[in-house]
Amino acid sequence: MMKGKSFAVLFAVLVVLQGCDFLRSLAGRPTSAELRALRADAEADSLRAAASDSLLEALSASTAPEAAYFVVAGCFRVPANAEVYAERYRSWGYETCIVDRGGFQVVGLCPTGDISEAYRKLYELKALGVCPQDSWVMENI
């Protein structure tokens, strides 16, 4: 009987000195320090995602053309997809822009201030097979 009481007293002392973390570790659950680290990681991921979204918005805003017209190569709901598509055309040497239109990211090629130049580029790009056949000239208003 004395062993049982000694064990109970020793267990109670360990719980008091160690706190709930002792019981959590016995049960295989995360301790408070591990939970704090997980929370900090989740907050850091959330901040990284917010910074990434802000960067994409800033990039989209900065790539909006000053020109009045451009050839539309594609429209995307997800800004990252528009950026990947625009980067492909940039790697081919074409001037690109991304403009937000009603929640869609429009990828434009060859921005210009002259509408006749924009149509000339449209026909040229279609003939070369560089842009989709359903591309069109859009006015940047």
N, C-alpha and C. Protein backbone atom coordinates (compact mmCIF):
# COMPACT_ATOMS: atom_id res chain seq x y z
N MET A 1 0.81 -1.18 0.00
CA MET A 1 0.00 0.00 0.00
C MET A 1 0.87 1.26 0.00
N MET A 2 2.01 1.18 0.65
CA MET A 2 2.91 2.31 0.75
C MET A 2 3.49 2.67 -0.61
N LYS A 3 3.73 1.65 -1.45
CA LYS A 3 4.27 1.90 -2.79
C LYS A 3 3.27 2.67 -3.63
N GLY A 4 2.00 2.33 -3.53
CA GLY A 4 0.96 3.01 -4.30
C GLY A 4 0.86 4.47 -3.91
N LYS A 5 0.94 4.78 -2.62
CA LYS A 5 0.87 6.17 -2.15
C LYS A 5 2.12 6.93 -2.58
N SER A 6 3.26 6.26 -2.50
CA SER A 6 4.52 6.90 -2.90
C SER A 6 4.48 7.25 -4.39
N PHE A 7 3.97 6.32 -5.17
CA PHE A 7 3.85 6.57 -6.61
C PHE A 7 2.90 7.73 -6.88
N ALA A 8 1.78 7.77 -6.20
CA ALA A 8 0.80 8.83 -6.39
C ALA A 8 1.39 10.18 -5.99
N VAL A 9 2.13 10.22 -4.88
CA VAL A 9 2.75 11.47 -4.43
C VAL A 9 3.82 11.91 -5.43
N LEU A 10 4.64 10.97 -5.89
CA LEU A 10 5.68 11.28 -6.87
C LEU A 10 5.06 11.79 -8.17
N PHE A 11 4.00 11.15 -8.61
CA PHE A 11 3.30 11.57 -9.82
C PHE A 11 2.73 12.98 -9.64
N ALA A 12 2.11 13.26 -8.49
CA ALA A 12 1.54 14.57 -8.21
C ALA A 12 2.62 15.64 -8.20
N VAL A 13 3.77 15.32 -7.61
CA VAL A 13 4.89 16.28 -7.57
C VAL A 13 5.38 16.56 -8.98
N LEU A 14 5.53 15.54 -9.81
CA LEU A 14 5.96 15.72 -11.20
C LEU A 14 4.97 16.58 -11.99
N VAL A 15 3.69 16.34 -11.80
CA VAL A 15 2.67 17.12 -12.49
C VAL A 15 2.75 18.58 -12.06
N VAL A 16 2.91 18.81 -10.76
CA VAL A 16 2.99 20.18 -10.25
C VAL A 16 4.24 20.87 -10.78
N LEU A 17 5.38 20.17 -10.74
CA LEU A 17 6.62 20.78 -11.20
C LEU A 17 6.69 20.91 -12.72
N GLN A 18 6.19 19.94 -13.43
CA GLN A 18 6.28 19.93 -14.89
C GLN A 18 5.07 20.57 -15.56
N GLY A 19 3.93 20.63 -14.92
CA GLY A 19 2.73 21.19 -15.51
C GLY A 19 2.08 20.20 -16.46
N CYS A 20 1.21 20.73 -17.28
CA CYS A 20 0.45 19.89 -18.22
C CYS A 20 1.33 19.29 -19.31
N ASP A 21 2.48 19.92 -19.56
CA ASP A 21 3.36 19.41 -20.61
C ASP A 21 3.84 18.00 -20.30
N PHE A 22 4.02 17.70 -19.03
CA PHE A 22 4.43 16.35 -18.64
C PHE A 22 3.38 15.33 -19.07
N LEU A 23 2.10 15.64 -18.76
CA LEU A 23 1.03 14.71 -19.15
C LEU A 23 0.87 14.65 -20.67
N ARG A 24 1.02 15.79 -21.32
CA ARG A 24 0.91 15.80 -22.79
C ARG A 24 2.00 14.94 -23.41
N SER A 25 3.22 15.07 -22.90
CA SER A 25 4.31 14.28 -23.47
C SER A 25 4.12 12.79 -23.22
N LEU A 26 3.55 12.44 -22.05
CA LEU A 26 3.26 11.04 -21.77
C LEU A 26 2.22 10.49 -22.74
N ALA A 27 1.26 11.34 -23.10
CA ALA A 27 0.19 10.92 -24.00
C ALA A 27 0.59 11.02 -25.47
N GLY A 28 1.80 11.56 -25.73
CA GLY A 28 2.24 11.68 -27.11
C GLY A 28 1.67 12.91 -27.81
N ARG A 29 1.16 13.86 -27.05
CA ARG A 29 0.59 15.08 -27.60
C ARG A 29 1.67 16.17 -27.61
N PRO A 30 1.50 17.22 -28.43
CA PRO A 30 2.50 18.29 -28.46
C PRO A 30 2.49 19.11 -27.16
N THR A 31 3.68 19.54 -26.76
CA THR A 31 3.80 20.35 -25.55
C THR A 31 3.49 21.80 -25.88
N SER A 32 3.41 22.65 -24.84
CA SER A 32 3.11 24.07 -25.09
C SER A 32 4.15 24.72 -25.97
N ALA A 33 5.42 24.39 -25.78
CA ALA A 33 6.48 24.96 -26.61
C ALA A 33 6.30 24.55 -28.08
N GLU A 34 5.95 23.29 -28.29
CA GLU A 34 5.72 22.82 -29.67
C GLU A 34 4.50 23.49 -30.27
N LEU A 35 3.46 23.69 -29.48
CA LEU A 35 2.26 24.38 -29.97
C LEU A 35 2.57 25.83 -30.33
N ARG A 36 3.39 26.51 -29.49
CA ARG A 36 3.78 27.89 -29.80
C ARG A 36 4.57 27.94 -31.11
N ALA A 37 5.47 26.98 -31.30
CA ALA A 37 6.27 26.95 -32.53
C ALA A 37 5.38 26.71 -33.74
N LEU A 38 4.39 25.82 -33.61
CA LEU A 38 3.46 25.57 -34.72
C LEU A 38 2.65 26.82 -35.04
N ARG A 39 2.20 27.52 -33.99
CA ARG A 39 1.44 28.76 -34.18
C ARG A 39 2.29 29.81 -34.89
N ALA A 40 3.55 29.93 -34.47
CA ALA A 40 4.46 30.90 -35.08
C ALA A 40 4.71 30.56 -36.55
N ASP A 41 4.86 29.27 -36.86
CA ASP A 41 5.05 28.84 -38.26
C ASP A 41 3.82 29.17 -39.09
N ALA A 42 2.63 28.94 -38.54
CA ALA A 42 1.39 29.23 -39.26
C ALA A 42 1.26 30.73 -39.52
N GLU A 43 1.61 31.55 -38.52
CA GLU A 43 1.55 33.00 -38.70
C GLU A 43 2.56 33.46 -39.75
N ALA A 44 3.76 32.87 -39.74
CA ALA A 44 4.78 33.22 -40.73
C ALA A 44 4.31 32.84 -42.13
N ASP A 45 3.69 31.67 -42.28
CA ASP A 45 3.16 31.26 -43.59
C ASP A 45 2.08 32.22 -44.06
N SER A 46 1.22 32.63 -43.14
CA SER A 46 0.16 33.57 -43.49
C SER A 46 0.74 34.91 -43.92
N LEU A 47 1.77 35.38 -43.24
CA LEU A 47 2.42 36.64 -43.62
C LEU A 47 3.10 36.52 -44.98
N ARG A 48 3.74 35.35 -45.22
CA ARG A 48 4.38 35.14 -46.52
C ARG A 48 3.35 35.15 -47.64
N ALA A 49 2.21 34.51 -47.41
CA ALA A 49 1.15 34.47 -48.43
C ALA A 49 0.61 35.86 -48.69
N ALA A 50 0.41 36.65 -47.63
CA ALA A 50 -0.09 38.02 -47.79
C ALA A 50 0.93 38.87 -48.55
N ALA A 51 2.21 38.69 -48.24
CA ALA A 51 3.25 39.45 -48.93
C ALA A 51 3.31 39.05 -50.40
N SER A 52 3.12 37.76 -50.68
CA SER A 52 3.13 37.28 -52.06
C SER A 52 1.96 37.87 -52.83
N ASP A 53 0.77 37.91 -52.22
CA ASP A 53 -0.40 38.51 -52.87
C ASP A 53 -0.17 39.99 -53.13
N SER A 54 0.41 40.69 -52.16
CA SER A 54 0.69 42.12 -52.33
C SER A 54 1.70 42.33 -53.46
N LEU A 55 2.69 41.45 -53.54
CA LEU A 55 3.68 41.56 -54.59
C LEU A 55 3.04 41.37 -55.96
N LEU A 56 2.16 40.38 -56.08
CA LEU A 56 1.48 40.15 -57.35
C LEU A 56 0.61 41.34 -57.73
N GLU A 57 -0.09 41.92 -56.75
CA GLU A 57 -0.92 43.09 -57.04
C GLU A 57 -0.05 44.25 -57.50
N ALA A 58 1.06 44.46 -56.81
CA ALA A 58 1.96 45.55 -57.18
C ALA A 58 2.55 45.31 -58.56
N LEU A 59 2.89 44.05 -58.84
CA LEU A 59 3.45 43.71 -60.14
C LEU A 59 2.42 43.94 -61.23
N SER A 60 1.17 43.55 -60.98
CA SER A 60 0.11 43.77 -61.96
C SER A 60 -0.11 45.25 -62.19
N ALA A 61 -0.10 46.02 -61.11
CA ALA A 61 -0.31 47.46 -61.24
C ALA A 61 0.84 48.11 -61.99
N SER A 62 2.06 47.63 -61.73
CA SER A 62 3.22 48.26 -62.36
C SER A 62 3.36 47.85 -63.83
N THR A 63 2.73 46.75 -64.24
CA THR A 63 2.86 46.33 -65.63
C THR A 63 1.70 46.82 -66.48
N ALA A 64 0.77 47.59 -65.90
CA ALA A 64 -0.32 48.15 -66.69
C ALA A 64 0.27 49.16 -67.68
N PRO A 65 -0.13 49.06 -68.93
CA PRO A 65 0.50 49.91 -69.94
C PRO A 65 0.02 51.35 -69.86
N GLU A 66 0.89 52.25 -70.25
CA GLU A 66 0.53 53.65 -70.40
C GLU A 66 -0.15 53.81 -71.76
N ALA A 67 0.09 52.86 -72.64
CA ALA A 67 -0.45 52.93 -73.99
C ALA A 67 -1.96 52.69 -73.99
N ALA A 68 -2.60 53.16 -75.03
CA ALA A 68 -4.05 53.09 -75.10
C ALA A 68 -4.56 51.75 -75.64
N TYR A 69 -3.75 51.01 -76.40
CA TYR A 69 -4.20 49.78 -77.04
C TYR A 69 -3.15 48.68 -76.89
N PHE A 70 -3.63 47.43 -76.87
CA PHE A 70 -2.72 46.29 -76.86
C PHE A 70 -3.46 45.07 -77.37
N VAL A 71 -2.69 44.06 -77.78
CA VAL A 71 -3.24 42.79 -78.26
C VAL A 71 -3.47 41.89 -77.05
N VAL A 72 -4.68 41.39 -76.91
CA VAL A 72 -5.00 40.50 -75.78
C VAL A 72 -4.58 39.08 -76.14
N ALA A 73 -3.67 38.54 -75.32
CA ALA A 73 -3.20 37.17 -75.54
C ALA A 73 -3.96 36.17 -74.68
N GLY A 74 -4.48 36.63 -73.53
CA GLY A 74 -5.22 35.74 -72.65
C GLY A 74 -5.78 36.47 -71.45
N CYS A 75 -6.77 35.85 -70.80
CA CYS A 75 -7.40 36.40 -69.59
C CYS A 75 -7.40 35.30 -68.53
N PHE A 76 -7.09 35.68 -67.30
CA PHE A 76 -6.98 34.71 -66.23
C PHE A 76 -7.66 35.22 -64.97
N ARG A 77 -8.27 34.33 -64.23
CA ARG A 77 -8.88 34.68 -62.94
C ARG A 77 -7.79 34.74 -61.86
N VAL A 78 -6.78 33.88 -61.96
CA VAL A 78 -5.70 33.81 -60.97
C VAL A 78 -4.52 34.66 -61.45
N PRO A 79 -4.14 35.70 -60.68
CA PRO A 79 -3.05 36.58 -61.11
C PRO A 79 -1.73 35.86 -61.38
N ALA A 80 -1.43 34.84 -60.60
CA ALA A 80 -0.17 34.10 -60.80
C ALA A 80 -0.14 33.43 -62.17
N ASN A 81 -1.28 32.93 -62.63
CA ASN A 81 -1.34 32.29 -63.95
C ASN A 81 -1.09 33.33 -65.05
N ALA A 82 -1.64 34.52 -64.88
CA ALA A 82 -1.42 35.59 -65.85
C ALA A 82 0.05 35.96 -65.91
N GLU A 83 0.69 36.01 -64.76
CA GLU A 83 2.11 36.37 -64.71
C GLU A 83 2.97 35.31 -65.41
N VAL A 84 2.65 34.04 -65.21
CA VAL A 84 3.40 32.96 -65.88
C VAL A 84 3.22 33.07 -67.39
N TYR A 85 1.99 33.34 -67.83
CA TYR A 85 1.70 33.46 -69.27
C TYR A 85 2.44 34.66 -69.86
N ALA A 86 2.41 35.79 -69.15
CA ALA A 86 3.11 37.00 -69.62
C ALA A 86 4.61 36.76 -69.68
N GLU A 87 5.14 36.05 -68.70
CA GLU A 87 6.58 35.78 -68.67
C GLU A 87 7.02 34.96 -69.89
N ARG A 88 6.16 34.07 -70.33
CA ARG A 88 6.49 33.28 -71.53
C ARG A 88 6.69 34.22 -72.73
N TYR A 89 5.78 35.19 -72.90
CA TYR A 89 5.91 36.14 -74.02
C TYR A 89 7.12 37.05 -73.83
N ARG A 90 7.40 37.45 -72.58
CA ARG A 90 8.59 38.28 -72.32
C ARG A 90 9.86 37.52 -72.71
N SER A 91 9.89 36.22 -72.41
CA SER A 91 11.08 35.43 -72.74
C SER A 91 11.27 35.31 -74.25
N TRP A 92 10.18 35.49 -75.01
CA TRP A 92 10.27 35.48 -76.47
C TRP A 92 10.60 36.85 -77.03
N GLY A 93 10.72 37.85 -76.14
CA GLY A 93 11.12 39.19 -76.58
C GLY A 93 9.97 40.15 -76.83
N TYR A 94 8.75 39.80 -76.45
CA TYR A 94 7.61 40.69 -76.65
C TYR A 94 7.37 41.54 -75.41
N GLU A 95 6.98 42.78 -75.63
CA GLU A 95 6.60 43.66 -74.52
C GLU A 95 5.22 43.23 -74.05
N THR A 96 5.06 43.02 -72.76
CA THR A 96 3.78 42.54 -72.22
C THR A 96 3.29 43.49 -71.13
N CYS A 97 2.02 43.32 -70.81
CA CYS A 97 1.42 44.05 -69.70
C CYS A 97 0.30 43.19 -69.12
N ILE A 98 -0.02 43.45 -67.86
CA ILE A 98 -1.13 42.75 -67.22
C ILE A 98 -2.06 43.82 -66.67
N VAL A 99 -3.33 43.75 -67.07
CA VAL A 99 -4.32 44.75 -66.67
C VAL A 99 -5.48 44.03 -66.00
N ASP A 100 -5.92 44.55 -64.87
CA ASP A 100 -7.07 43.98 -64.16
C ASP A 100 -8.35 44.53 -64.78
N ARG A 101 -9.23 43.64 -65.21
CA ARG A 101 -10.52 44.02 -65.77
C ARG A 101 -11.61 43.18 -65.12
N GLY A 102 -12.30 43.75 -64.16
CA GLY A 102 -13.42 43.07 -63.53
C GLY A 102 -13.04 41.76 -62.85
N GLY A 103 -11.90 41.71 -62.21
CA GLY A 103 -11.48 40.49 -61.53
C GLY A 103 -10.69 39.54 -62.40
N PHE A 104 -10.57 39.85 -63.68
CA PHE A 104 -9.76 39.03 -64.59
C PHE A 104 -8.46 39.77 -64.87
N GLN A 105 -7.38 39.01 -64.99
CA GLN A 105 -6.07 39.58 -65.33
C GLN A 105 -5.88 39.38 -66.83
N VAL A 106 -5.87 40.48 -67.57
CA VAL A 106 -5.73 40.44 -69.02
C VAL A 106 -4.25 40.58 -69.37
N VAL A 107 -3.74 39.62 -70.11
CA VAL A 107 -2.34 39.67 -70.56
C VAL A 107 -2.33 40.31 -71.93
N GLY A 108 -1.66 41.46 -72.01
CA GLY A 108 -1.59 42.21 -73.27
C GLY A 108 -0.20 42.16 -73.87
N LEU A 109 -0.17 42.23 -75.20
CA LEU A 109 1.10 42.22 -75.94
C LEU A 109 1.22 43.50 -76.75
N CYS A 110 2.43 43.94 -76.95
CA CYS A 110 2.76 45.05 -77.82
C CYS A 110 1.91 46.30 -77.56
N PRO A 111 1.91 46.82 -76.33
CA PRO A 111 1.11 48.02 -76.06
C PRO A 111 1.57 49.20 -76.91
N THR A 112 0.60 49.98 -77.39
CA THR A 112 0.89 51.11 -78.26
C THR A 112 -0.17 52.19 -78.09
N GLY A 113 0.12 53.37 -78.52
CA GLY A 113 -0.85 54.46 -78.47
C GLY A 113 -1.63 54.60 -79.75
N ASP A 114 -1.29 53.84 -80.78
CA ASP A 114 -1.91 53.95 -82.10
C ASP A 114 -2.74 52.70 -82.38
N ILE A 115 -4.03 52.89 -82.64
CA ILE A 115 -4.91 51.73 -82.86
C ILE A 115 -4.54 50.97 -84.13
N SER A 116 -4.13 51.68 -85.18
CA SER A 116 -3.76 50.97 -86.41
C SER A 116 -2.50 50.12 -86.18
N GLU A 117 -1.58 50.61 -85.37
CA GLU A 117 -0.39 49.83 -85.02
C GLU A 117 -0.78 48.58 -84.22
N ALA A 118 -1.74 48.74 -83.32
CA ALA A 118 -2.20 47.60 -82.52
C ALA A 118 -2.80 46.52 -83.41
N TYR A 119 -3.63 46.91 -84.40
CA TYR A 119 -4.22 45.92 -85.31
C TYR A 119 -3.15 45.30 -86.20
N ARG A 120 -2.17 46.09 -86.62
CA ARG A 120 -1.09 45.53 -87.43
C ARG A 120 -0.34 44.46 -86.64
N LYS A 121 -0.07 44.73 -85.34
CA LYS A 121 0.60 43.75 -84.48
C LYS A 121 -0.29 42.51 -84.28
N LEU A 122 -1.59 42.73 -84.12
CA LEU A 122 -2.52 41.60 -83.95
C LEU A 122 -2.43 40.65 -85.14
N TYR A 123 -2.53 41.19 -86.35
CA TYR A 123 -2.48 40.33 -87.55
C TYR A 123 -1.11 39.67 -87.70
N GLU A 124 -0.07 40.40 -87.36
CA GLU A 124 1.29 39.85 -87.44
C GLU A 124 1.47 38.70 -86.44
N LEU A 125 1.03 38.89 -85.21
CA LEU A 125 1.17 37.85 -84.18
C LEU A 125 0.34 36.61 -84.51
N LYS A 126 -0.85 36.82 -85.06
CA LYS A 126 -1.69 35.68 -85.46
C LYS A 126 -1.04 34.92 -86.60
N ALA A 127 -0.49 35.65 -87.58
CA ALA A 127 0.15 35.01 -88.73
C ALA A 127 1.36 34.19 -88.30
N LEU A 128 2.09 34.68 -87.31
CA LEU A 128 3.26 33.96 -86.82
C LEU A 128 2.88 32.81 -85.90
N GLY A 129 1.61 32.75 -85.48
CA GLY A 129 1.16 31.71 -84.56
C GLY A 129 1.63 31.96 -83.13
N VAL A 130 1.98 33.20 -82.83
CA VAL A 130 2.49 33.54 -81.50
C VAL A 130 1.36 33.66 -80.49
N CYS A 131 0.25 34.22 -80.90
CA CYS A 131 -0.87 34.38 -79.97
C CYS A 131 -2.07 33.58 -80.49
N PRO A 132 -3.03 33.31 -79.63
CA PRO A 132 -4.20 32.53 -80.04
C PRO A 132 -4.97 33.22 -81.18
N GLN A 133 -5.64 32.44 -81.99
CA GLN A 133 -6.39 32.98 -83.13
C GLN A 133 -7.60 33.81 -82.69
N ASP A 134 -8.06 33.62 -81.45
CA ASP A 134 -9.19 34.42 -80.97
C ASP A 134 -8.74 35.67 -80.20
N SER A 135 -7.49 36.07 -80.37
CA SER A 135 -6.98 37.30 -79.74
C SER A 135 -7.65 38.51 -80.38
N TRP A 136 -7.62 39.62 -79.68
CA TRP A 136 -8.24 40.85 -80.16
C TRP A 136 -7.46 42.05 -79.64
N VAL A 137 -7.80 43.24 -80.16
CA VAL A 137 -7.20 44.48 -79.69
C VAL A 137 -8.11 45.05 -78.61
N MET A 138 -7.51 45.45 -77.50
CA MET A 138 -8.29 46.02 -76.40
C MET A 138 -7.82 47.43 -76.12
N GLU A 139 -8.79 48.29 -75.83
CA GLU A 139 -8.45 49.67 -75.46
C GLU A 139 -8.27 49.71 -73.95
N ASN A 140 -7.18 50.32 -73.52
CA ASN A 140 -6.88 50.44 -72.09
C ASN A 140 -7.52 51.71 -71.55
N ILE A 141 -8.73 51.55 -71.04
CA ILE A 141 -9.44 52.73 -70.51
C ILE A 141 -9.42 52.76 -69.02
